């Protein structure tokens, strides 16, 4: 199965963060309702939607809200946000986690959406879909102009009641593990003040 893939020869990792980011999660052992075909189809839809926005001819200001809608539609944002926040999520209130998830969603979408117009002309090929515990790995090959193909692995689950992806690996690199490091550093700079981080994330990216 082949899906058009945005192309940026200089930054492979940016694609993963733009589409969605996640850290390794301990999921429950429930029986799979999600199928491999559904997991594969989800990834095709993600990349297809991003390409449609990129090729729409809209301005950056018009594109950024569209990228955020794509992230909200296909990614398990609450799980991803909790993973990005790390240990600090344990002491956060429910209201703080909702606010952080919302701010993180906008932050990620703006941060990587500004570069997505450069991702044009590549191809994403789904090679293998396999069950792992109660989620699926969708293993793909990214074929970009001017560089060797490389592996992109999406982790897809229906844990939240919808088919969503919660993690991406680029050549073995866990992409939101990187984001978790960055969010942790931002929180440290604010001396652990989560409310201050939330307020700043709403303006960052």
N, C-alpha and C. Protein backbone atom coordinates (compact mmCIF):
# COMPACT_ATOMS: atom_id res chain seq x y z
N UNK A 1 0.85 -1.18 0.00
CA UNK A 1 0.00 0.00 0.00
C UNK A 1 0.89 1.23 0.00
N UNK A 2 0.59 2.20 -0.86
CA UNK A 2 1.43 3.37 -0.99
C UNK A 2 0.62 4.63 -0.72
N UNK A 3 1.24 5.54 -0.01
CA UNK A 3 0.59 6.80 0.32
C UNK A 3 1.57 7.92 0.05
N UNK A 4 1.18 9.02 -0.60
CA UNK A 4 2.08 10.15 -0.79
C UNK A 4 2.61 10.64 0.54
N UNK A 5 3.88 10.95 0.59
CA UNK A 5 4.51 11.38 1.84
C UNK A 5 5.19 12.71 1.65
N UNK A 6 4.94 13.69 2.52
CA UNK A 6 5.67 14.95 2.44
C UNK A 6 7.16 14.70 2.58
N UNK A 7 7.99 15.54 1.91
CA UNK A 7 9.42 15.30 1.83
C UNK A 7 10.22 16.45 2.40
N UNK A 8 11.19 16.14 3.27
CA UNK A 8 12.16 17.11 3.76
C UNK A 8 13.47 16.39 3.94
N UNK A 9 14.39 16.45 2.97
CA UNK A 9 15.62 15.67 3.04
C UNK A 9 16.44 15.97 4.28
N UNK A 10 16.33 17.14 4.86
CA UNK A 10 17.19 17.52 5.98
C UNK A 10 16.70 17.02 7.32
N UNK A 11 15.41 16.72 7.44
CA UNK A 11 14.86 16.41 8.76
C UNK A 11 13.89 15.25 8.70
N UNK A 12 14.40 14.04 8.81
CA UNK A 12 13.52 12.88 8.83
C UNK A 12 12.64 12.88 10.07
N UNK A 13 13.25 13.15 11.20
CA UNK A 13 12.53 13.01 12.46
C UNK A 13 11.36 13.96 12.57
N UNK A 14 11.39 15.08 11.87
CA UNK A 14 10.33 16.06 11.99
C UNK A 14 8.99 15.50 11.56
N UNK A 15 8.99 14.60 10.57
CA UNK A 15 7.73 14.01 10.11
C UNK A 15 7.01 13.32 11.26
N UNK A 16 7.77 12.54 12.01
CA UNK A 16 7.12 11.79 13.09
C UNK A 16 6.49 12.70 14.12
N UNK A 17 7.22 13.73 14.49
CA UNK A 17 6.67 14.65 15.49
C UNK A 17 5.49 15.41 14.94
N UNK A 18 5.51 15.72 13.67
CA UNK A 18 4.40 16.46 13.07
C UNK A 18 3.15 15.62 13.01
N UNK A 19 3.29 14.38 12.72
CA UNK A 19 2.11 13.53 12.61
C UNK A 19 1.56 13.19 13.98
N UNK A 20 2.38 12.91 14.79
CA UNK A 20 1.98 12.59 16.15
C UNK A 20 3.19 12.07 16.85
N UNK A 21 3.24 12.26 18.18
CA UNK A 21 4.39 11.81 18.91
C UNK A 21 3.94 11.02 20.11
N UNK A 22 4.77 10.08 20.55
CA UNK A 22 4.36 9.26 21.68
C UNK A 22 5.55 8.63 22.34
N UNK A 23 5.42 8.26 23.58
CA UNK A 23 6.44 7.51 24.29
C UNK A 23 5.95 6.09 24.51
N UNK A 24 6.86 5.15 24.83
CA UNK A 24 6.46 3.78 25.08
C UNK A 24 5.51 3.73 26.26
N UNK A 25 4.36 3.11 26.06
CA UNK A 25 3.30 3.11 27.06
C UNK A 25 3.01 1.69 27.52
N UNK A 26 2.67 1.53 28.78
CA UNK A 26 2.23 0.24 29.31
C UNK A 26 0.72 0.18 29.16
N UNK A 27 0.26 -0.61 28.20
CA UNK A 27 -1.17 -0.71 27.92
C UNK A 27 -1.73 -1.97 28.55
N UNK A 28 -3.03 -1.96 28.83
CA UNK A 28 -3.67 -3.12 29.43
C UNK A 28 -3.74 -4.27 28.44
N UNK A 29 -4.03 -5.46 28.93
CA UNK A 29 -4.02 -6.65 28.10
C UNK A 29 -5.36 -7.02 27.52
N UNK A 30 -6.19 -6.04 27.18
CA UNK A 30 -7.51 -6.33 26.64
C UNK A 30 -7.41 -6.97 25.27
N UNK A 31 -8.43 -7.72 24.88
CA UNK A 31 -8.46 -8.36 23.57
C UNK A 31 -8.54 -7.30 22.48
N UNK A 32 -7.91 -7.59 21.34
CA UNK A 32 -7.89 -6.65 20.23
C UNK A 32 -9.25 -6.60 19.55
N UNK A 33 -9.79 -5.39 19.41
CA UNK A 33 -10.96 -5.17 18.56
C UNK A 33 -10.51 -4.53 17.26
N UNK A 34 -9.48 -3.71 17.34
CA UNK A 34 -8.86 -3.09 16.17
C UNK A 34 -8.25 -4.17 15.29
N UNK A 35 -8.39 -4.04 13.98
CA UNK A 35 -7.78 -4.98 13.05
C UNK A 35 -6.54 -4.37 12.41
N UNK A 36 -5.70 -5.23 11.85
CA UNK A 36 -4.51 -4.75 11.16
C UNK A 36 -4.85 -3.86 9.98
N UNK A 37 -5.90 -4.21 9.25
CA UNK A 37 -6.31 -3.40 8.10
C UNK A 37 -6.74 -2.01 8.54
N UNK A 38 -7.43 -1.94 9.67
CA UNK A 38 -7.87 -0.63 10.19
C UNK A 38 -6.68 0.21 10.63
N UNK A 39 -5.70 -0.43 11.26
CA UNK A 39 -4.51 0.30 11.69
C UNK A 39 -3.75 0.85 10.49
N UNK A 40 -3.61 0.02 9.45
CA UNK A 40 -2.93 0.46 8.23
C UNK A 40 -3.69 1.60 7.56
N UNK A 41 -5.00 1.48 7.51
CA UNK A 41 -5.83 2.51 6.87
C UNK A 41 -5.72 3.84 7.60
N UNK A 42 -5.63 3.80 8.93
CA UNK A 42 -5.49 5.03 9.71
C UNK A 42 -4.25 5.80 9.28
N UNK A 43 -3.13 5.09 9.12
CA UNK A 43 -1.88 5.76 8.75
C UNK A 43 -1.99 6.35 7.35
N UNK A 44 -2.62 5.63 6.43
CA UNK A 44 -2.85 6.18 5.10
C UNK A 44 -3.65 7.49 5.17
N UNK A 45 -4.65 7.52 6.03
CA UNK A 45 -5.49 8.71 6.16
C UNK A 45 -4.71 9.88 6.73
N UNK A 46 -3.87 9.62 7.72
CA UNK A 46 -3.07 10.68 8.34
C UNK A 46 -2.21 11.39 7.29
N UNK A 47 -1.43 10.61 6.56
CA UNK A 47 -0.50 11.19 5.60
C UNK A 47 -1.27 11.85 4.45
N UNK A 48 -2.37 11.22 4.03
CA UNK A 48 -3.17 11.80 2.97
C UNK A 48 -3.75 13.15 3.36
N UNK A 49 -4.23 13.27 4.59
CA UNK A 49 -4.80 14.54 5.05
C UNK A 49 -3.74 15.63 5.14
N UNK A 50 -2.56 15.27 5.62
CA UNK A 50 -1.48 16.26 5.70
C UNK A 50 -1.10 16.75 4.31
N UNK A 51 -1.00 15.83 3.36
CA UNK A 51 -0.64 16.24 2.01
C UNK A 51 -1.69 17.14 1.39
N UNK A 52 -2.95 16.88 1.67
CA UNK A 52 -4.00 17.73 1.12
C UNK A 52 -3.88 19.16 1.63
N UNK A 53 -3.52 19.31 2.90
CA UNK A 53 -3.34 20.65 3.45
C UNK A 53 -2.12 21.32 2.82
N UNK A 54 -1.02 20.58 2.73
CA UNK A 54 0.21 21.13 2.17
C UNK A 54 0.00 21.63 0.75
N UNK A 55 -0.75 20.87 -0.03
CA UNK A 55 -0.94 21.19 -1.44
C UNK A 55 -2.14 22.08 -1.71
N UNK A 56 -2.74 22.62 -0.65
CA UNK A 56 -3.95 23.42 -0.81
C UNK A 56 -3.68 24.84 -1.29
N UNK A 57 -2.43 25.28 -1.18
CA UNK A 57 -2.11 26.64 -1.57
C UNK A 57 -2.46 27.68 -0.52
N UNK A 58 -2.86 27.24 0.65
CA UNK A 58 -3.22 28.18 1.72
C UNK A 58 -1.97 28.79 2.35
N UNK A 59 -2.20 29.87 3.07
CA UNK A 59 -1.10 30.51 3.81
C UNK A 59 -0.75 29.67 5.04
N UNK A 60 0.41 29.95 5.62
CA UNK A 60 0.82 29.25 6.84
C UNK A 60 -0.21 29.45 7.95
N UNK A 61 -0.69 30.67 8.09
CA UNK A 61 -1.67 30.96 9.15
C UNK A 61 -2.94 30.14 8.98
N UNK A 62 -3.31 29.84 7.74
CA UNK A 62 -4.49 29.03 7.48
C UNK A 62 -4.20 27.54 7.66
N UNK A 63 -2.96 27.14 7.37
CA UNK A 63 -2.60 25.73 7.46
C UNK A 63 -2.48 25.25 8.90
N UNK A 64 -1.94 26.07 9.79
CA UNK A 64 -1.65 25.62 11.15
C UNK A 64 -2.88 25.09 11.88
N UNK A 65 -4.04 25.76 11.82
CA UNK A 65 -5.22 25.18 12.46
C UNK A 65 -5.63 23.85 11.84
N UNK A 66 -5.39 23.69 10.53
CA UNK A 66 -5.70 22.42 9.88
C UNK A 66 -4.81 21.31 10.39
N UNK A 67 -3.52 21.60 10.57
CA UNK A 67 -2.61 20.59 11.12
C UNK A 67 -3.02 20.20 12.53
N UNK A 68 -3.48 21.17 13.31
CA UNK A 68 -3.93 20.84 14.67
C UNK A 68 -5.16 19.95 14.63
N UNK A 69 -6.06 20.20 13.69
CA UNK A 69 -7.25 19.35 13.57
C UNK A 69 -6.87 17.92 13.18
N UNK A 70 -5.87 17.79 12.32
CA UNK A 70 -5.40 16.46 11.92
C UNK A 70 -4.84 15.72 13.14
N UNK A 71 -4.01 16.41 13.91
CA UNK A 71 -3.42 15.81 15.10
C UNK A 71 -4.51 15.38 16.07
N UNK A 72 -5.50 16.25 16.28
CA UNK A 72 -6.58 15.94 17.21
C UNK A 72 -7.43 14.78 16.71
N UNK A 73 -7.55 14.64 15.41
CA UNK A 73 -8.41 13.60 14.84
C UNK A 73 -7.77 12.22 14.92
N UNK A 74 -6.48 12.12 14.66
CA UNK A 74 -5.85 10.82 14.48
C UNK A 74 -4.95 10.38 15.63
N UNK A 75 -4.55 11.29 16.50
CA UNK A 75 -3.64 10.95 17.60
C UNK A 75 -4.39 10.86 18.91
N UNK A 76 -3.94 9.99 19.79
CA UNK A 76 -4.53 9.87 21.12
C UNK A 76 -3.90 10.95 22.00
N UNK A 77 -4.40 12.17 21.84
CA UNK A 77 -3.77 13.34 22.44
C UNK A 77 -3.64 13.24 23.97
N UNK A 78 -4.68 12.84 24.71
CA UNK A 78 -4.51 12.76 26.17
C UNK A 78 -3.39 11.81 26.60
N UNK A 79 -3.29 10.65 25.92
CA UNK A 79 -2.23 9.69 26.25
C UNK A 79 -0.87 10.25 25.88
N UNK A 80 -0.77 10.84 24.70
CA UNK A 80 0.49 11.41 24.25
C UNK A 80 0.93 12.54 25.18
N UNK A 81 0.00 13.41 25.54
CA UNK A 81 0.34 14.54 26.41
C UNK A 81 0.80 14.07 27.78
N UNK A 82 0.10 13.08 28.35
CA UNK A 82 0.50 12.54 29.65
C UNK A 82 1.89 11.93 29.57
N UNK A 83 2.17 11.23 28.49
CA UNK A 83 3.48 10.64 28.32
C UNK A 83 4.56 11.71 28.18
N UNK A 84 4.25 12.78 27.44
CA UNK A 84 5.22 13.86 27.25
C UNK A 84 5.52 14.57 28.57
N UNK A 85 4.52 14.70 29.41
CA UNK A 85 4.70 15.40 30.69
C UNK A 85 5.48 14.55 31.68
N UNK A 86 5.41 13.22 31.52
CA UNK A 86 6.21 12.34 32.35
C UNK A 86 5.76 12.29 33.80
N UNK A 87 6.73 12.26 34.70
CA UNK A 87 6.44 12.08 36.12
C UNK A 87 5.54 13.18 36.66
N UNK A 88 5.65 14.37 36.12
CA UNK A 88 4.85 15.50 36.61
C UNK A 88 3.35 15.27 36.43
N UNK A 89 2.99 14.37 35.51
CA UNK A 89 1.57 14.09 35.29
C UNK A 89 0.92 13.43 36.50
N UNK A 90 1.73 12.75 37.31
CA UNK A 90 1.19 12.03 38.47
C UNK A 90 0.61 12.98 39.51
N UNK A 91 1.20 14.13 39.65
CA UNK A 91 0.73 15.08 40.66
C UNK A 91 -0.18 16.16 40.09
N UNK A 92 -0.39 16.14 38.78
CA UNK A 92 -1.26 17.14 38.16
C UNK A 92 -2.72 16.82 38.44
N UNK A 93 -3.53 17.84 38.61
CA UNK A 93 -4.97 17.64 38.77
C UNK A 93 -5.60 17.31 37.43
N UNK A 94 -6.83 16.83 37.47
CA UNK A 94 -7.54 16.52 36.22
C UNK A 94 -7.68 17.77 35.37
N UNK A 95 -7.97 18.90 36.00
CA UNK A 95 -8.11 20.16 35.26
C UNK A 95 -6.79 20.57 34.63
N UNK A 96 -5.69 20.39 35.35
CA UNK A 96 -4.38 20.72 34.80
C UNK A 96 -4.03 19.82 33.62
N UNK A 97 -4.36 18.53 33.71
CA UNK A 97 -4.06 17.63 32.60
C UNK A 97 -4.88 17.98 31.36
N UNK A 98 -6.14 18.36 31.56
CA UNK A 98 -6.94 18.78 30.41
C UNK A 98 -6.34 20.03 29.76
N UNK A 99 -5.93 20.97 30.60
CA UNK A 99 -5.34 22.20 30.08
C UNK A 99 -4.00 21.93 29.40
N UNK A 100 -3.20 21.03 30.00
CA UNK A 100 -1.91 20.70 29.39
C UNK A 100 -2.11 20.00 28.06
N UNK A 101 -3.05 19.06 27.99
CA UNK A 101 -3.31 18.34 26.74
C UNK A 101 -3.69 19.31 25.63
N UNK A 102 -4.55 20.27 25.95
CA UNK A 102 -4.98 21.25 24.96
C UNK A 102 -3.81 22.13 24.51
N UNK A 103 -3.02 22.59 25.49
CA UNK A 103 -1.88 23.45 25.15
C UNK A 103 -0.82 22.67 24.38
N UNK A 104 -0.58 21.42 24.77
CA UNK A 104 0.42 20.59 24.09
C UNK A 104 0.00 20.31 22.65
N UNK A 105 -1.27 20.05 22.45
CA UNK A 105 -1.79 19.80 21.10
C UNK A 105 -1.50 20.99 20.18
N UNK A 106 -1.79 22.19 20.64
CA UNK A 106 -1.52 23.37 19.84
C UNK A 106 -0.04 23.61 19.63
N UNK A 107 0.74 23.39 20.69
CA UNK A 107 2.19 23.59 20.63
C UNK A 107 2.83 22.69 19.59
N UNK A 108 2.51 21.40 19.64
CA UNK A 108 3.09 20.45 18.69
C UNK A 108 2.66 20.79 17.26
N UNK A 109 1.39 21.12 17.09
CA UNK A 109 0.88 21.41 15.75
C UNK A 109 1.56 22.63 15.15
N UNK A 110 1.76 23.67 15.95
CA UNK A 110 2.44 24.87 15.44
C UNK A 110 3.92 24.62 15.21
N UNK A 111 4.53 23.91 16.16
CA UNK A 111 5.98 23.69 16.10
C UNK A 111 6.38 22.99 14.82
N UNK A 112 5.66 21.93 14.48
CA UNK A 112 6.04 21.15 13.31
C UNK A 112 5.26 21.53 12.06
N UNK A 113 4.08 22.10 12.25
CA UNK A 113 3.29 22.51 11.10
C UNK A 113 3.97 23.57 10.26
N UNK A 114 4.79 24.42 10.89
CA UNK A 114 5.48 25.47 10.16
C UNK A 114 6.47 24.91 9.15
N UNK A 115 6.92 23.67 9.37
CA UNK A 115 7.88 23.06 8.45
C UNK A 115 7.25 22.12 7.44
N UNK A 116 5.97 21.82 7.61
CA UNK A 116 5.39 20.74 6.81
C UNK A 116 5.27 21.07 5.33
N UNK A 117 5.27 22.34 4.97
CA UNK A 117 5.17 22.66 3.55
C UNK A 117 6.39 22.19 2.77
N UNK A 118 7.49 21.92 3.49
CA UNK A 118 8.70 21.43 2.84
C UNK A 118 8.63 19.93 2.55
N UNK A 119 7.65 19.23 3.13
CA UNK A 119 7.58 17.77 3.03
C UNK A 119 6.77 17.39 1.79
N UNK A 120 7.34 17.55 0.63
CA UNK A 120 6.58 17.30 -0.61
C UNK A 120 7.36 16.34 -1.49
N UNK A 121 6.66 15.40 -2.09
CA UNK A 121 7.25 14.57 -3.13
C UNK A 121 7.74 13.21 -2.71
N UNK A 122 7.52 12.80 -1.47
CA UNK A 122 7.96 11.49 -1.02
C UNK A 122 6.85 10.47 -1.06
N UNK A 123 7.14 9.28 -0.54
CA UNK A 123 6.17 8.19 -0.56
C UNK A 123 6.33 7.35 0.69
N UNK A 124 5.20 6.96 1.27
CA UNK A 124 5.20 6.10 2.45
C UNK A 124 4.58 4.77 2.05
N UNK A 125 5.33 3.69 2.24
CA UNK A 125 4.90 2.36 1.81
C UNK A 125 4.70 1.48 3.04
N UNK A 126 3.47 1.02 3.25
CA UNK A 126 3.18 0.12 4.37
C UNK A 126 3.70 -1.27 4.02
N UNK A 127 4.61 -1.79 4.84
CA UNK A 127 5.23 -3.09 4.57
C UNK A 127 4.65 -4.21 5.41
N UNK A 128 4.31 -3.90 6.65
CA UNK A 128 3.90 -4.97 7.56
C UNK A 128 3.03 -4.39 8.67
N UNK A 129 2.01 -5.12 9.04
CA UNK A 129 1.16 -4.76 10.18
C UNK A 129 1.10 -5.97 11.09
N UNK A 130 1.47 -5.80 12.36
CA UNK A 130 1.45 -6.96 13.24
C UNK A 130 0.95 -6.57 14.63
N UNK A 131 0.22 -7.49 15.29
CA UNK A 131 -0.26 -7.22 16.64
C UNK A 131 0.86 -7.33 17.66
N UNK A 132 0.87 -6.42 18.62
CA UNK A 132 1.81 -6.45 19.74
C UNK A 132 1.00 -6.16 20.99
N UNK A 133 0.82 -7.19 21.83
CA UNK A 133 -0.05 -7.06 22.99
C UNK A 133 -1.43 -6.58 22.54
N UNK A 134 -1.86 -5.38 22.96
CA UNK A 134 -3.20 -4.94 22.56
C UNK A 134 -3.16 -3.73 21.63
N UNK A 135 -2.08 -3.62 20.85
CA UNK A 135 -2.02 -2.59 19.82
C UNK A 135 -1.35 -3.18 18.58
N UNK A 136 -1.29 -2.40 17.52
CA UNK A 136 -0.66 -2.84 16.28
C UNK A 136 0.55 -1.97 15.96
N UNK A 137 1.58 -2.61 15.44
CA UNK A 137 2.69 -1.92 14.80
C UNK A 137 2.41 -1.85 13.31
N UNK A 138 2.45 -0.66 12.77
CA UNK A 138 2.37 -0.49 11.32
C UNK A 138 3.76 -0.08 10.85
N UNK A 139 4.46 -1.02 10.24
CA UNK A 139 5.84 -0.79 9.82
C UNK A 139 5.82 -0.32 8.37
N UNK A 140 6.44 0.82 8.14
CA UNK A 140 6.44 1.42 6.81
C UNK A 140 7.85 1.78 6.39
N UNK A 141 8.01 2.00 5.10
CA UNK A 141 9.25 2.53 4.56
C UNK A 141 8.98 3.89 3.95
N UNK A 142 9.76 4.88 4.35
CA UNK A 142 9.65 6.21 3.77
C UNK A 142 10.69 6.34 2.66
N UNK A 143 10.22 6.61 1.46
CA UNK A 143 11.09 6.79 0.30
C UNK A 143 11.05 8.27 -0.07
N UNK A 144 12.13 8.99 0.22
CA UNK A 144 12.21 10.42 -0.03
C UNK A 144 13.23 10.71 -1.11
N UNK A 145 13.02 11.78 -1.81
CA UNK A 145 13.94 12.16 -2.88
C UNK A 145 15.32 12.50 -2.33
N UNK A 146 16.34 11.96 -2.96
CA UNK A 146 17.69 12.34 -2.62
C UNK A 146 18.30 11.66 -1.41
N UNK A 147 17.63 10.65 -0.85
CA UNK A 147 18.22 9.95 0.28
C UNK A 147 17.72 8.51 0.33
N UNK A 148 18.44 7.68 1.08
CA UNK A 148 18.09 6.27 1.18
C UNK A 148 16.77 6.11 1.92
N UNK A 149 15.98 5.08 1.57
CA UNK A 149 14.74 4.81 2.31
C UNK A 149 15.04 4.53 3.78
N UNK A 150 14.08 4.81 4.64
CA UNK A 150 14.24 4.54 6.06
C UNK A 150 12.91 4.09 6.65
N UNK A 151 13.00 3.44 7.81
CA UNK A 151 11.81 2.85 8.42
C UNK A 151 11.10 3.84 9.34
N UNK A 152 9.78 3.83 9.24
CA UNK A 152 8.91 4.58 10.14
C UNK A 152 7.90 3.59 10.70
N UNK A 153 7.81 3.49 12.03
CA UNK A 153 6.88 2.56 12.67
C UNK A 153 5.86 3.35 13.48
N UNK A 154 4.59 3.11 13.19
CA UNK A 154 3.49 3.73 13.92
C UNK A 154 2.88 2.70 14.86
N UNK A 155 2.56 3.10 16.08
CA UNK A 155 1.84 2.25 17.01
C UNK A 155 0.40 2.74 17.10
N UNK A 156 -0.54 1.83 16.84
CA UNK A 156 -1.96 2.19 16.73
C UNK A 156 -2.76 1.35 17.71
N UNK A 157 -3.70 1.99 18.40
CA UNK A 157 -4.53 1.31 19.38
C UNK A 157 -5.95 1.85 19.32
N UNK A 158 -6.90 1.07 19.84
CA UNK A 158 -8.27 1.57 20.02
C UNK A 158 -8.60 1.68 21.51
N UNK A 159 -7.57 1.80 22.32
CA UNK A 159 -7.74 1.83 23.77
C UNK A 159 -8.71 2.92 24.23
N UNK A 160 -8.72 4.04 23.53
CA UNK A 160 -9.57 5.17 23.92
C UNK A 160 -10.96 5.10 23.30
N UNK A 161 -11.27 3.99 22.64
CA UNK A 161 -12.58 3.84 22.02
C UNK A 161 -12.60 4.23 20.55
N UNK A 162 -11.48 4.72 20.04
CA UNK A 162 -11.33 5.05 18.62
C UNK A 162 -9.98 4.53 18.15
N UNK A 163 -9.86 4.32 16.85
CA UNK A 163 -8.58 3.91 16.28
C UNK A 163 -7.68 5.14 16.18
N UNK A 164 -6.62 5.16 16.98
CA UNK A 164 -5.73 6.32 17.06
C UNK A 164 -4.29 5.84 17.17
N UNK A 165 -3.33 6.66 16.76
CA UNK A 165 -1.95 6.27 17.00
C UNK A 165 -1.41 7.03 18.20
N UNK A 166 -0.51 6.35 18.92
CA UNK A 166 0.00 6.92 20.17
C UNK A 166 1.51 6.97 20.22
N UNK A 167 2.18 6.54 19.17
CA UNK A 167 3.64 6.55 19.17
C UNK A 167 4.15 6.38 17.76
N UNK A 168 5.31 6.94 17.49
CA UNK A 168 5.98 6.77 16.19
C UNK A 168 7.47 6.62 16.45
N UNK A 169 8.09 5.72 15.70
CA UNK A 169 9.54 5.55 15.75
C UNK A 169 10.11 5.81 14.35
N UNK A 170 11.17 6.58 14.28
CA UNK A 170 11.89 6.82 13.03
C UNK A 170 13.25 6.17 13.17
N UNK A 171 13.51 5.13 12.37
CA UNK A 171 14.77 4.40 12.43
C UNK A 171 15.11 4.02 13.88
N UNK A 172 14.10 3.57 14.61
CA UNK A 172 14.30 3.12 15.98
C UNK A 172 14.25 4.21 17.04
N UNK A 173 14.14 5.46 16.63
CA UNK A 173 14.12 6.57 17.58
C UNK A 173 12.68 6.89 17.98
N UNK A 174 12.42 6.83 19.28
CA UNK A 174 11.10 7.14 19.82
C UNK A 174 10.94 8.66 19.85
N UNK A 175 9.99 9.15 19.06
CA UNK A 175 9.96 10.58 18.83
C UNK A 175 9.43 11.40 20.01
N UNK A 176 8.43 10.91 20.74
CA UNK A 176 7.98 11.73 21.85
C UNK A 176 8.87 11.55 23.08
N UNK A 177 9.73 10.53 23.05
CA UNK A 177 10.76 10.50 24.09
C UNK A 177 11.59 11.77 24.00
N UNK A 178 11.84 12.21 22.77
CA UNK A 178 12.54 13.48 22.56
C UNK A 178 11.71 14.64 23.06
N UNK A 179 10.42 14.62 22.74
CA UNK A 179 9.54 15.69 23.21
C UNK A 179 9.43 15.68 24.74
N UNK A 180 9.42 14.49 25.33
CA UNK A 180 9.35 14.42 26.79
C UNK A 180 10.57 15.07 27.42
N UNK A 181 11.73 14.87 26.82
CA UNK A 181 12.94 15.53 27.31
C UNK A 181 12.80 17.04 27.23
N UNK A 182 12.27 17.51 26.10
CA UNK A 182 12.13 18.95 25.91
C UNK A 182 11.09 19.54 26.87
N UNK A 183 9.96 18.84 27.02
CA UNK A 183 8.93 19.33 27.95
C UNK A 183 9.47 19.33 29.37
N UNK A 184 10.23 18.29 29.73
CA UNK A 184 10.83 18.24 31.05
C UNK A 184 11.76 19.40 31.30
N UNK A 185 12.55 19.75 30.28
CA UNK A 185 13.46 20.88 30.41
C UNK A 185 12.69 22.19 30.57
N UNK A 186 11.62 22.34 29.81
CA UNK A 186 10.79 23.54 29.92
C UNK A 186 10.17 23.65 31.31
N UNK A 187 9.74 22.50 31.85
CA UNK A 187 9.15 22.51 33.19
C UNK A 187 10.20 22.85 34.25
N UNK A 188 11.40 22.30 34.08
CA UNK A 188 12.48 22.61 35.02
C UNK A 188 12.81 24.11 35.01
N UNK A 189 12.79 24.71 33.82
CA UNK A 189 13.07 26.14 33.71
C UNK A 189 12.05 26.97 34.47
N UNK A 190 10.86 26.40 34.66
CA UNK A 190 9.78 27.09 35.39
C UNK A 190 9.65 26.56 36.81
N UNK A 191 10.71 25.87 37.27
CA UNK A 191 10.80 25.36 38.64
C UNK A 191 9.61 24.47 38.99
N UNK A 192 9.19 23.68 38.02
CA UNK A 192 8.12 22.72 38.24
C UNK A 192 6.72 23.30 38.23
N UNK A 193 6.58 24.55 37.85
CA UNK A 193 5.27 25.21 37.84
C UNK A 193 4.52 24.81 36.57
N UNK A 194 3.61 23.83 36.71
CA UNK A 194 2.90 23.31 35.54
C UNK A 194 1.98 24.36 34.94
N UNK A 195 1.34 25.17 35.76
CA UNK A 195 0.45 26.20 35.24
C UNK A 195 1.21 27.20 34.38
N UNK A 196 2.43 27.54 34.79
CA UNK A 196 3.26 28.45 34.00
C UNK A 196 3.64 27.80 32.67
N UNK A 197 3.97 26.51 32.71
CA UNK A 197 4.30 25.80 31.47
C UNK A 197 3.11 25.78 30.53
N UNK A 198 1.93 25.49 31.04
CA UNK A 198 0.73 25.46 30.22
C UNK A 198 0.51 26.81 29.54
N UNK A 199 0.63 27.88 30.32
CA UNK A 199 0.43 29.22 29.77
C UNK A 199 1.44 29.52 28.67
N UNK A 200 2.69 29.11 28.88
CA UNK A 200 3.73 29.38 27.89
C UNK A 200 3.56 28.52 26.64
N UNK A 201 3.16 27.25 26.81
CA UNK A 201 2.97 26.38 25.66
C UNK A 201 1.91 26.93 24.72
N UNK A 202 0.93 27.62 25.25
CA UNK A 202 -0.13 28.19 24.41
C UNK A 202 0.41 29.26 23.47
N UNK A 203 1.58 29.80 23.79
CA UNK A 203 2.18 30.83 22.94
C UNK A 203 3.37 30.30 22.15
N UNK A 204 3.85 29.11 22.49
CA UNK A 204 5.06 28.58 21.88
C UNK A 204 4.75 27.77 20.63
N UNK A 205 5.82 27.43 19.91
CA UNK A 205 5.66 26.64 18.70
C UNK A 205 5.73 27.51 17.49
